[in-house]
ModelCIF file with pLDDT and N, C-alpha, C, O atoms, coordinates in Angstrom:
data_MODEL
#
_entry.id   MODEL 
#
_entity.id                         1 
_entity.type                       polymer 
_entity.pdbx_number_of_molecules   1 
#
_entity_poly.entity_id                      1 
_entity_poly.type                           'polypeptide(L)' 
_entity_poly.nstd_linkage                   no 
_entity_poly.nstd_monomer                   no 
_entity_poly.pdbx_seq_one_letter_code       
;(UNK)(UNK)(UNK)(UNK)(UNK)(UNK)(UNK)(UNK)(UNK)(UNK)(UNK)(UNK)(UNK)(UNK)(UNK)(UNK)
(UNK)(UNK)(UNK)(UNK)(UNK)(UNK)(UNK)(UNK)(UNK)(UNK)(UNK)(UNK)(UNK)(UNK)(UNK)(UNK)
(UNK)(UNK)(UNK)(UNK)(UNK)(UNK)(UNK)(UNK)(UNK)(UNK)
;
_entity_poly.pdbx_seq_one_letter_code_can   XXXXXXXXXXXXXXXXXXXXXXXXXXXXXXXXXXXXXXXXXX 
_entity_poly.pdbx_strand_id                 A 
#
loop_
_entity_poly_seq.entity_id 
_entity_poly_seq.num 
_entity_poly_seq.mon_id 
_entity_poly_seq.hetero 
1 1  UNK n 
1 2  UNK n 
1 3  UNK n 
1 4  UNK n 
1 5  UNK n 
1 6  UNK n 
1 7  UNK n 
1 8  UNK n 
1 9  UNK n 
1 10 UNK n 
1 11 UNK n 
1 12 UNK n 
1 13 UNK n 
1 14 UNK n 
1 15 UNK n 
1 16 UNK n 
1 17 UNK n 
1 18 UNK n 
1 19 UNK n 
1 20 UNK n 
1 21 UNK n 
1 22 UNK n 
1 23 UNK n 
1 24 UNK n 
1 25 UNK n 
1 26 UNK n 
1 27 UNK n 
1 28 UNK n 
1 29 UNK n 
1 30 UNK n 
1 31 UNK n 
1 32 UNK n 
1 33 UNK n 
1 34 UNK n 
1 35 UNK n 
1 36 UNK n 
1 37 UNK n 
1 38 UNK n 
1 39 UNK n 
1 40 UNK n 
1 41 UNK n 
1 42 UNK n 
#
_struct_asym.id          A 
_struct_asym.entity_id   1 
#
loop_
_ma_qa_metric.id 
_ma_qa_metric.mode 
_ma_qa_metric.name 
_ma_qa_metric.software_group_id 
_ma_qa_metric.type 
1 global pLDDT . pLDDT 
2 local  pLDDT . pLDDT 
#
_ma_qa_metric_global.metric_id      1 
_ma_qa_metric_global.metric_value   90.14 
_ma_qa_metric_global.model_id       1 
_ma_qa_metric_global.ordinal_id     1 
#
loop_
_ma_qa_metric_local.label_asym_id 
_ma_qa_metric_local.label_comp_id 
_ma_qa_metric_local.label_seq_id 
_ma_qa_metric_local.metric_id 
_ma_qa_metric_local.metric_value 
_ma_qa_metric_local.model_id 
_ma_qa_metric_local.ordinal_id 
A UNK 1  2 85.00 1 1  
A UNK 2  2 89.00 1 2  
A UNK 3  2 89.00 1 3  
A UNK 4  2 89.00 1 4  
A UNK 5  2 86.00 1 5  
A UNK 6  2 85.00 1 6  
A UNK 7  2 84.00 1 7  
A UNK 8  2 86.00 1 8  
A UNK 9  2 87.00 1 9  
A UNK 10 2 88.00 1 10 
A UNK 11 2 91.00 1 11 
A UNK 12 2 91.00 1 12 
A UNK 13 2 92.00 1 13 
A UNK 14 2 93.00 1 14 
A UNK 15 2 93.00 1 15 
A UNK 16 2 93.00 1 16 
A UNK 17 2 92.00 1 17 
A UNK 18 2 91.00 1 18 
A UNK 19 2 89.00 1 19 
A UNK 20 2 84.00 1 20 
A UNK 21 2 89.00 1 21 
A UNK 22 2 88.00 1 22 
A UNK 23 2 91.00 1 23 
A UNK 24 2 92.00 1 24 
A UNK 25 2 92.00 1 25 
A UNK 26 2 92.00 1 26 
A UNK 27 2 93.00 1 27 
A UNK 28 2 93.00 1 28 
A UNK 29 2 93.00 1 29 
A UNK 30 2 93.00 1 30 
A UNK 31 2 93.00 1 31 
A UNK 32 2 92.00 1 32 
A UNK 33 2 91.00 1 33 
A UNK 34 2 90.00 1 34 
A UNK 35 2 89.00 1 35 
A UNK 36 2 90.00 1 36 
A UNK 37 2 90.00 1 37 
A UNK 38 2 91.00 1 38 
A UNK 39 2 92.00 1 39 
A UNK 40 2 91.00 1 40 
A UNK 41 2 91.00 1 41 
A UNK 42 2 93.00 1 42 
#
loop_
_atom_site.group_PDB 
_atom_site.id 
_atom_site.type_symbol 
_atom_site.label_atom_id 
_atom_site.label_alt_id 
_atom_site.label_comp_id 
_atom_site.label_asym_id 
_atom_site.label_entity_id 
_atom_site.label_seq_id 
_atom_site.pdbx_PDB_ins_code 
_atom_site.Cartn_x 
_atom_site.Cartn_y 
_atom_site.Cartn_z 
_atom_site.occupancy 
_atom_site.B_iso_or_equiv 
_atom_site.pdbx_formal_charge 
_atom_site.auth_seq_id 
_atom_site.auth_comp_id 
_atom_site.auth_asym_id 
_atom_site.auth_atom_id 
_atom_site.pdbx_PDB_model_num 
ATOM 1   N N  . UNK A 1 1  ? 16.536 -3.803  -17.165 1.00 85.00 ? 1  UNK A N  1 
ATOM 2   C CA . UNK A 1 1  ? 15.318 -5.000  -16.960 1.00 85.00 ? 1  UNK A CA 1 
ATOM 3   C C  . UNK A 1 1  ? 16.712 -5.772  -16.017 1.00 85.00 ? 1  UNK A C  1 
ATOM 4   O O  . UNK A 1 1  ? 17.933 -5.681  -16.146 1.00 85.00 ? 1  UNK A O  1 
ATOM 5   N N  . UNK A 1 2  ? 15.664 -6.676  -14.878 1.00 89.00 ? 2  UNK A N  1 
ATOM 6   C CA . UNK A 1 2  ? 16.989 -6.980  -13.530 1.00 89.00 ? 2  UNK A CA 1 
ATOM 7   C C  . UNK A 1 2  ? 16.451 -8.334  -13.209 1.00 89.00 ? 2  UNK A C  1 
ATOM 8   O O  . UNK A 1 2  ? 15.275 -8.416  -12.852 1.00 89.00 ? 2  UNK A O  1 
ATOM 9   N N  . UNK A 1 3  ? 17.081 -9.248  -13.285 1.00 89.00 ? 3  UNK A N  1 
ATOM 10  C CA . UNK A 1 3  ? 16.515 -10.596 -12.488 1.00 89.00 ? 3  UNK A CA 1 
ATOM 11  C C  . UNK A 1 3  ? 16.817 -10.522 -11.272 1.00 89.00 ? 3  UNK A C  1 
ATOM 12  O O  . UNK A 1 3  ? 17.989 -10.754 -10.978 1.00 89.00 ? 3  UNK A O  1 
ATOM 13  N N  . UNK A 1 4  ? 15.922 -10.201 -10.281 1.00 89.00 ? 4  UNK A N  1 
ATOM 14  C CA . UNK A 1 4  ? 15.748 -10.259 -9.226  1.00 89.00 ? 4  UNK A CA 1 
ATOM 15  C C  . UNK A 1 4  ? 16.097 -11.652 -8.291  1.00 89.00 ? 4  UNK A C  1 
ATOM 16  O O  . UNK A 1 4  ? 15.327 -12.603 -8.156  1.00 89.00 ? 4  UNK A O  1 
ATOM 17  N N  . UNK A 1 5  ? 17.069 -11.561 -7.856  1.00 86.00 ? 5  UNK A N  1 
ATOM 18  C CA . UNK A 1 5  ? 17.579 -13.146 -6.994  1.00 86.00 ? 5  UNK A CA 1 
ATOM 19  C C  . UNK A 1 5  ? 17.501 -12.795 -5.726  1.00 86.00 ? 5  UNK A C  1 
ATOM 20  O O  . UNK A 1 5  ? 17.366 -11.677 -5.230  1.00 86.00 ? 5  UNK A O  1 
ATOM 21  N N  . UNK A 1 6  ? 17.648 -14.375 -4.987  1.00 85.00 ? 6  UNK A N  1 
ATOM 22  C CA . UNK A 1 6  ? 17.197 -14.452 -3.455  1.00 85.00 ? 6  UNK A CA 1 
ATOM 23  C C  . UNK A 1 6  ? 18.773 -13.871 -2.911  1.00 85.00 ? 6  UNK A C  1 
ATOM 24  O O  . UNK A 1 6  ? 19.943 -14.123 -3.198  1.00 85.00 ? 6  UNK A O  1 
ATOM 25  N N  . UNK A 1 7  ? 18.023 -12.912 -1.919  1.00 84.00 ? 7  UNK A N  1 
ATOM 26  C CA . UNK A 1 7  ? 19.164 -12.121 -0.811  1.00 84.00 ? 7  UNK A CA 1 
ATOM 27  C C  . UNK A 1 7  ? 19.250 -12.864 0.510   1.00 84.00 ? 7  UNK A C  1 
ATOM 28  O O  . UNK A 1 7  ? 20.023 -12.478 1.387   1.00 84.00 ? 7  UNK A O  1 
ATOM 29  N N  . UNK A 1 8  ? 18.348 -14.088 0.685   1.00 86.00 ? 8  UNK A N  1 
ATOM 30  C CA . UNK A 1 8  ? 18.464 -14.746 1.612   1.00 86.00 ? 8  UNK A CA 1 
ATOM 31  C C  . UNK A 1 8  ? 18.056 -15.884 1.625   1.00 86.00 ? 8  UNK A C  1 
ATOM 32  O O  . UNK A 1 8  ? 17.112 -16.106 0.867   1.00 86.00 ? 8  UNK A O  1 
ATOM 33  N N  . UNK A 1 9  ? 18.544 -16.957 2.406   1.00 87.00 ? 9  UNK A N  1 
ATOM 34  C CA . UNK A 1 9  ? 18.269 -18.337 2.035   1.00 87.00 ? 9  UNK A CA 1 
ATOM 35  C C  . UNK A 1 9  ? 16.906 -18.918 2.965   1.00 87.00 ? 9  UNK A C  1 
ATOM 36  O O  . UNK A 1 9  ? 16.770 -18.677 4.165   1.00 87.00 ? 9  UNK A O  1 
ATOM 37  N N  . UNK A 1 10 ? 15.981 -19.697 2.168   1.00 88.00 ? 10 UNK A N  1 
ATOM 38  C CA . UNK A 1 10 ? 14.879 -19.885 3.412   1.00 88.00 ? 10 UNK A CA 1 
ATOM 39  C C  . UNK A 1 10 ? 13.755 -20.103 1.969   1.00 88.00 ? 10 UNK A C  1 
ATOM 40  O O  . UNK A 1 10 ? 13.974 -19.701 0.827   1.00 88.00 ? 10 UNK A O  1 
ATOM 41  N N  . UNK A 1 11 ? 12.470 -20.901 2.488   1.00 91.00 ? 11 UNK A N  1 
ATOM 42  C CA . UNK A 1 11 ? 11.409 -20.844 1.507   1.00 91.00 ? 11 UNK A CA 1 
ATOM 43  C C  . UNK A 1 11 ? 10.450 -19.701 1.530   1.00 91.00 ? 11 UNK A C  1 
ATOM 44  O O  . UNK A 1 11 ? 10.057 -18.898 2.376   1.00 91.00 ? 11 UNK A O  1 
ATOM 45  N N  . UNK A 1 12 ? 10.240 -19.931 0.334   1.00 91.00 ? 12 UNK A N  1 
ATOM 46  C CA . UNK A 1 12 ? 9.400  -18.635 -0.192  1.00 91.00 ? 12 UNK A CA 1 
ATOM 47  C C  . UNK A 1 12 ? 7.871  -19.028 0.403   1.00 91.00 ? 12 UNK A C  1 
ATOM 48  O O  . UNK A 1 12 ? 7.414  -20.160 0.239   1.00 91.00 ? 12 UNK A O  1 
ATOM 49  N N  . UNK A 1 13 ? 7.154  -17.999 1.091   1.00 92.00 ? 13 UNK A N  1 
ATOM 50  C CA . UNK A 1 13 ? 5.885  -18.233 2.047   1.00 92.00 ? 13 UNK A CA 1 
ATOM 51  C C  . UNK A 1 13 ? 5.339  -17.362 0.929   1.00 92.00 ? 13 UNK A C  1 
ATOM 52  O O  . UNK A 1 13 ? 4.211  -17.852 0.893   1.00 92.00 ? 13 UNK A O  1 
ATOM 53  N N  . UNK A 1 14 ? 5.331  -16.720 0.287   1.00 93.00 ? 14 UNK A N  1 
ATOM 54  C CA . UNK A 1 14 ? 4.430  -16.228 -0.718  1.00 93.00 ? 14 UNK A CA 1 
ATOM 55  C C  . UNK A 1 14 ? 4.569  -15.377 -1.811  1.00 93.00 ? 14 UNK A C  1 
ATOM 56  O O  . UNK A 1 14 ? 5.344  -14.420 -1.825  1.00 93.00 ? 14 UNK A O  1 
ATOM 57  N N  . UNK A 1 15 ? 3.758  -15.738 -2.825  1.00 93.00 ? 15 UNK A N  1 
ATOM 58  C CA . UNK A 1 15 ? 4.461  -14.516 -4.003  1.00 93.00 ? 15 UNK A CA 1 
ATOM 59  C C  . UNK A 1 15 ? 3.318  -13.532 -4.102  1.00 93.00 ? 15 UNK A C  1 
ATOM 60  O O  . UNK A 1 15 ? 2.189  -13.948 -3.845  1.00 93.00 ? 15 UNK A O  1 
ATOM 61  N N  . UNK A 1 16 ? 3.456  -12.554 -4.371  1.00 93.00 ? 16 UNK A N  1 
ATOM 62  C CA . UNK A 1 16 ? 2.865  -11.258 -4.525  1.00 93.00 ? 16 UNK A CA 1 
ATOM 63  C C  . UNK A 1 16 ? 1.620  -10.894 -6.060  1.00 93.00 ? 16 UNK A C  1 
ATOM 64  O O  . UNK A 1 16 ? 0.471  -10.479 -6.212  1.00 93.00 ? 16 UNK A O  1 
ATOM 65  N N  . UNK A 1 17 ? 3.322  -11.602 -7.318  1.00 92.00 ? 17 UNK A N  1 
ATOM 66  C CA . UNK A 1 17 ? 2.649  -10.944 -8.034  1.00 92.00 ? 17 UNK A CA 1 
ATOM 67  C C  . UNK A 1 17 ? 3.196  -12.457 -9.365  1.00 92.00 ? 17 UNK A C  1 
ATOM 68  O O  . UNK A 1 17 ? 4.103  -13.244 -9.091  1.00 92.00 ? 17 UNK A O  1 
ATOM 69  N N  . UNK A 1 18 ? 2.497  -12.506 -10.523 1.00 91.00 ? 18 UNK A N  1 
ATOM 70  C CA . UNK A 1 18 ? 2.168  -13.149 -11.447 1.00 91.00 ? 18 UNK A CA 1 
ATOM 71  C C  . UNK A 1 18 ? 3.249  -12.737 -12.732 1.00 91.00 ? 18 UNK A C  1 
ATOM 72  O O  . UNK A 1 18 ? 3.985  -11.757 -12.617 1.00 91.00 ? 18 UNK A O  1 
ATOM 73  N N  . UNK A 1 19 ? 3.254  -13.397 -13.675 1.00 89.00 ? 19 UNK A N  1 
ATOM 74  C CA . UNK A 1 19 ? 3.719  -12.545 -15.194 1.00 89.00 ? 19 UNK A CA 1 
ATOM 75  C C  . UNK A 1 19 ? 2.567  -12.074 -15.527 1.00 89.00 ? 19 UNK A C  1 
ATOM 76  O O  . UNK A 1 19 ? 1.440  -12.565 -15.453 1.00 89.00 ? 19 UNK A O  1 
ATOM 77  N N  . UNK A 1 20 ? 3.147  -10.545 -16.102 1.00 84.00 ? 20 UNK A N  1 
ATOM 78  C CA . UNK A 1 20 ? 1.926  -10.217 -17.108 1.00 84.00 ? 20 UNK A CA 1 
ATOM 79  C C  . UNK A 1 20 ? 1.851  -8.731  -15.912 1.00 84.00 ? 20 UNK A C  1 
ATOM 80  O O  . UNK A 1 20 ? 1.420  -7.647  -16.305 1.00 84.00 ? 20 UNK A O  1 
ATOM 81  N N  . UNK A 1 21 ? 2.339  -8.947  -14.478 1.00 89.00 ? 21 UNK A N  1 
ATOM 82  C CA . UNK A 1 21 ? 1.604  -8.134  -13.750 1.00 89.00 ? 21 UNK A CA 1 
ATOM 83  C C  . UNK A 1 21 ? 2.304  -6.438  -13.491 1.00 89.00 ? 21 UNK A C  1 
ATOM 84  O O  . UNK A 1 21 ? 3.355  -6.393  -12.851 1.00 89.00 ? 21 UNK A O  1 
ATOM 85  N N  . UNK A 1 22 ? 1.846  -5.437  -13.872 1.00 88.00 ? 22 UNK A N  1 
ATOM 86  C CA . UNK A 1 22 ? 2.712  -3.935  -13.742 1.00 88.00 ? 22 UNK A CA 1 
ATOM 87  C C  . UNK A 1 22 ? 2.803  -3.519  -12.356 1.00 88.00 ? 22 UNK A C  1 
ATOM 88  O O  . UNK A 1 22 ? 1.783  -3.201  -11.745 1.00 88.00 ? 22 UNK A O  1 
ATOM 89  N N  . UNK A 1 23 ? 3.895  -3.498  -11.842 1.00 91.00 ? 23 UNK A N  1 
ATOM 90  C CA . UNK A 1 23 ? 3.821  -2.900  -10.331 1.00 91.00 ? 23 UNK A CA 1 
ATOM 91  C C  . UNK A 1 23 ? 4.853  -1.757  -10.250 1.00 91.00 ? 23 UNK A C  1 
ATOM 92  O O  . UNK A 1 23 ? 5.682  -1.420  -11.095 1.00 91.00 ? 23 UNK A O  1 
ATOM 93  N N  . UNK A 1 24 ? 4.609  -1.258  -9.065  1.00 92.00 ? 24 UNK A N  1 
ATOM 94  C CA . UNK A 1 24 ? 4.781  0.236   -8.668  1.00 92.00 ? 24 UNK A CA 1 
ATOM 95  C C  . UNK A 1 24 ? 6.252  0.051   -8.234  1.00 92.00 ? 24 UNK A C  1 
ATOM 96  O O  . UNK A 1 24 ? 6.654  -1.108  -8.334  1.00 92.00 ? 24 UNK A O  1 
ATOM 97  N N  . UNK A 1 25 ? 7.083  0.908   -7.799  1.00 92.00 ? 25 UNK A N  1 
ATOM 98  C CA . UNK A 1 25 ? 8.675  0.603   -7.009  1.00 92.00 ? 25 UNK A CA 1 
ATOM 99  C C  . UNK A 1 25 ? 8.382  0.760   -5.468  1.00 92.00 ? 25 UNK A C  1 
ATOM 100 O O  . UNK A 1 25 ? 7.914  1.637   -4.742  1.00 92.00 ? 25 UNK A O  1 
ATOM 101 N N  . UNK A 1 26 ? 8.705  -0.062  -5.375  1.00 92.00 ? 26 UNK A N  1 
ATOM 102 C CA . UNK A 1 26 ? 8.975  -0.333  -3.881  1.00 92.00 ? 26 UNK A CA 1 
ATOM 103 C C  . UNK A 1 26 ? 7.381  -1.731  -3.691  1.00 92.00 ? 26 UNK A C  1 
ATOM 104 O O  . UNK A 1 26 ? 7.380  -2.259  -2.579  1.00 92.00 ? 26 UNK A O  1 
ATOM 105 N N  . UNK A 1 27 ? 6.858  -1.952  -4.129  1.00 93.00 ? 27 UNK A N  1 
ATOM 106 C CA . UNK A 1 27 ? 6.046  -2.891  -4.176  1.00 93.00 ? 27 UNK A CA 1 
ATOM 107 C C  . UNK A 1 27 ? 6.756  -4.440  -3.513  1.00 93.00 ? 27 UNK A C  1 
ATOM 108 O O  . UNK A 1 27 ? 7.951  -4.696  -3.664  1.00 93.00 ? 27 UNK A O  1 
ATOM 109 N N  . UNK A 1 28 ? 5.872  -5.295  -2.838  1.00 93.00 ? 28 UNK A N  1 
ATOM 110 C CA . UNK A 1 28 ? 6.061  -6.190  -2.165  1.00 93.00 ? 28 UNK A CA 1 
ATOM 111 C C  . UNK A 1 28 ? 6.246  -7.489  -3.141  1.00 93.00 ? 28 UNK A C  1 
ATOM 112 O O  . UNK A 1 28 ? 5.137  -7.989  -3.325  1.00 93.00 ? 28 UNK A O  1 
ATOM 113 N N  . UNK A 1 29 ? 7.335  -8.245  -3.868  1.00 93.00 ? 29 UNK A N  1 
ATOM 114 C CA . UNK A 1 29 ? 6.932  -9.028  -4.878  1.00 93.00 ? 29 UNK A CA 1 
ATOM 115 C C  . UNK A 1 29 ? 6.641  -10.554 -4.335  1.00 93.00 ? 29 UNK A C  1 
ATOM 116 O O  . UNK A 1 29 ? 5.857  -11.303 -4.917  1.00 93.00 ? 29 UNK A O  1 
ATOM 117 N N  . UNK A 1 30 ? 7.625  -11.058 -2.727  1.00 93.00 ? 30 UNK A N  1 
ATOM 118 C CA . UNK A 1 30 ? 7.544  -12.278 -2.354  1.00 93.00 ? 30 UNK A CA 1 
ATOM 119 C C  . UNK A 1 30 ? 8.377  -11.972 -0.818  1.00 93.00 ? 30 UNK A C  1 
ATOM 120 O O  . UNK A 1 30 ? 9.209  -11.089 -0.609  1.00 93.00 ? 30 UNK A O  1 
ATOM 121 N N  . UNK A 1 31 ? 7.941  -12.835 -0.006  1.00 93.00 ? 31 UNK A N  1 
ATOM 122 C CA . UNK A 1 31 ? 8.691  -12.935 1.164   1.00 93.00 ? 31 UNK A CA 1 
ATOM 123 C C  . UNK A 1 31 ? 8.664  -14.411 1.283   1.00 93.00 ? 31 UNK A C  1 
ATOM 124 O O  . UNK A 1 31 ? 7.893  -15.217 0.761   1.00 93.00 ? 31 UNK A O  1 
ATOM 125 N N  . UNK A 1 32 ? 10.149 -14.686 2.463   1.00 92.00 ? 32 UNK A N  1 
ATOM 126 C CA . UNK A 1 32 ? 10.459 -15.994 2.210   1.00 92.00 ? 32 UNK A CA 1 
ATOM 127 C C  . UNK A 1 32 ? 10.511 -15.983 4.099   1.00 92.00 ? 32 UNK A C  1 
ATOM 128 O O  . UNK A 1 32 ? 10.322 -15.097 4.932   1.00 92.00 ? 32 UNK A O  1 
ATOM 129 N N  . UNK A 1 33 ? 10.868 -17.450 4.186   1.00 91.00 ? 33 UNK A N  1 
ATOM 130 C CA . UNK A 1 33 ? 10.123 -17.741 5.747   1.00 91.00 ? 33 UNK A CA 1 
ATOM 131 C C  . UNK A 1 33 ? 11.588 -17.110 6.639   1.00 91.00 ? 33 UNK A C  1 
ATOM 132 O O  . UNK A 1 33 ? 12.751 -17.335 6.304   1.00 91.00 ? 33 UNK A O  1 
ATOM 133 N N  . UNK A 1 34 ? 11.047 -16.106 8.090   1.00 90.00 ? 34 UNK A N  1 
ATOM 134 C CA . UNK A 1 34 ? 11.609 -14.935 8.547   1.00 90.00 ? 34 UNK A CA 1 
ATOM 135 C C  . UNK A 1 34 ? 11.626 -15.607 9.990   1.00 90.00 ? 34 UNK A C  1 
ATOM 136 O O  . UNK A 1 34 ? 11.703 -14.815 10.930  1.00 90.00 ? 34 UNK A O  1 
ATOM 137 N N  . UNK A 1 35 ? 11.569 -16.831 10.259  1.00 89.00 ? 35 UNK A N  1 
ATOM 138 C CA . UNK A 1 35 ? 11.400 -17.088 11.772  1.00 89.00 ? 35 UNK A CA 1 
ATOM 139 C C  . UNK A 1 35 ? 12.893 -16.413 12.845  1.00 89.00 ? 35 UNK A C  1 
ATOM 140 O O  . UNK A 1 35 ? 12.929 -15.714 13.858  1.00 89.00 ? 35 UNK A O  1 
ATOM 141 N N  . UNK A 1 36 ? 14.091 -17.134 11.879  1.00 90.00 ? 36 UNK A N  1 
ATOM 142 C CA . UNK A 1 36 ? 15.017 -17.080 12.402  1.00 90.00 ? 36 UNK A CA 1 
ATOM 143 C C  . UNK A 1 36 ? 15.315 -15.425 12.975  1.00 90.00 ? 36 UNK A C  1 
ATOM 144 O O  . UNK A 1 36 ? 15.283 -14.930 14.101  1.00 90.00 ? 36 UNK A O  1 
ATOM 145 N N  . UNK A 1 37 ? 15.641 -14.811 11.478  1.00 90.00 ? 37 UNK A N  1 
ATOM 146 C CA . UNK A 1 37 ? 16.048 -13.395 11.381  1.00 90.00 ? 37 UNK A CA 1 
ATOM 147 C C  . UNK A 1 37 ? 14.770 -12.210 12.413  1.00 90.00 ? 37 UNK A C  1 
ATOM 148 O O  . UNK A 1 37 ? 15.137 -11.137 12.890  1.00 90.00 ? 37 UNK A O  1 
ATOM 149 N N  . UNK A 1 38 ? 13.195 -12.808 12.560  1.00 91.00 ? 38 UNK A N  1 
ATOM 150 C CA . UNK A 1 38 ? 13.147 -12.197 13.634  1.00 91.00 ? 38 UNK A CA 1 
ATOM 151 C C  . UNK A 1 38 ? 13.216 -12.270 15.039  1.00 91.00 ? 38 UNK A C  1 
ATOM 152 O O  . UNK A 1 38 ? 13.054 -11.360 15.851  1.00 91.00 ? 38 UNK A O  1 
ATOM 153 N N  . UNK A 1 39 ? 13.554 -13.826 15.291  1.00 92.00 ? 39 UNK A N  1 
ATOM 154 C CA . UNK A 1 39 ? 13.948 -14.094 16.827  1.00 92.00 ? 39 UNK A CA 1 
ATOM 155 C C  . UNK A 1 39 ? 15.395 -13.179 17.711  1.00 92.00 ? 39 UNK A C  1 
ATOM 156 O O  . UNK A 1 39 ? 15.547 -12.796 18.871  1.00 92.00 ? 39 UNK A O  1 
ATOM 157 N N  . UNK A 1 40 ? 16.320 -13.109 16.367  1.00 91.00 ? 40 UNK A N  1 
ATOM 158 C CA . UNK A 1 40 ? 17.471 -12.428 16.511  1.00 91.00 ? 40 UNK A CA 1 
ATOM 159 C C  . UNK A 1 40 ? 17.397 -11.082 16.614  1.00 91.00 ? 40 UNK A C  1 
ATOM 160 O O  . UNK A 1 40 ? 18.160 -10.615 17.459  1.00 91.00 ? 40 UNK A O  1 
ATOM 161 N N  . UNK A 1 41 ? 16.559 -10.114 15.882  1.00 91.00 ? 41 UNK A N  1 
ATOM 162 C CA . UNK A 1 41 ? 16.303 -8.883  16.226  1.00 91.00 ? 41 UNK A CA 1 
ATOM 163 C C  . UNK A 1 41 ? 15.285 -8.608  17.448  1.00 91.00 ? 41 UNK A C  1 
ATOM 164 O O  . UNK A 1 41 ? 15.040 -7.498  17.919  1.00 91.00 ? 41 UNK A O  1 
ATOM 165 N N  . UNK A 1 42 ? 14.777 -9.762  17.840  1.00 93.00 ? 42 UNK A N  1 
ATOM 166 C CA . UNK A 1 42 ? 14.023 -9.489  19.103  1.00 93.00 ? 42 UNK A CA 1 
ATOM 167 C C  . UNK A 1 42 ? 14.982 -10.148 20.485  1.00 93.00 ? 42 UNK A C  1 
ATOM 168 O O  . UNK A 1 42 ? 14.559 -10.041 21.636  1.00 93.00 ? 42 UNK A O  1 
#
């Protein structure tokens, strides 16, 4: 078992799972705001 921690600083924009859900490898669990990283990439 693992504690999935924050890998970036930012506000949570969406949570895709809740306690008790079964998930597959690679499934999206949550997203953080990404305005600045997106603009840097562009």
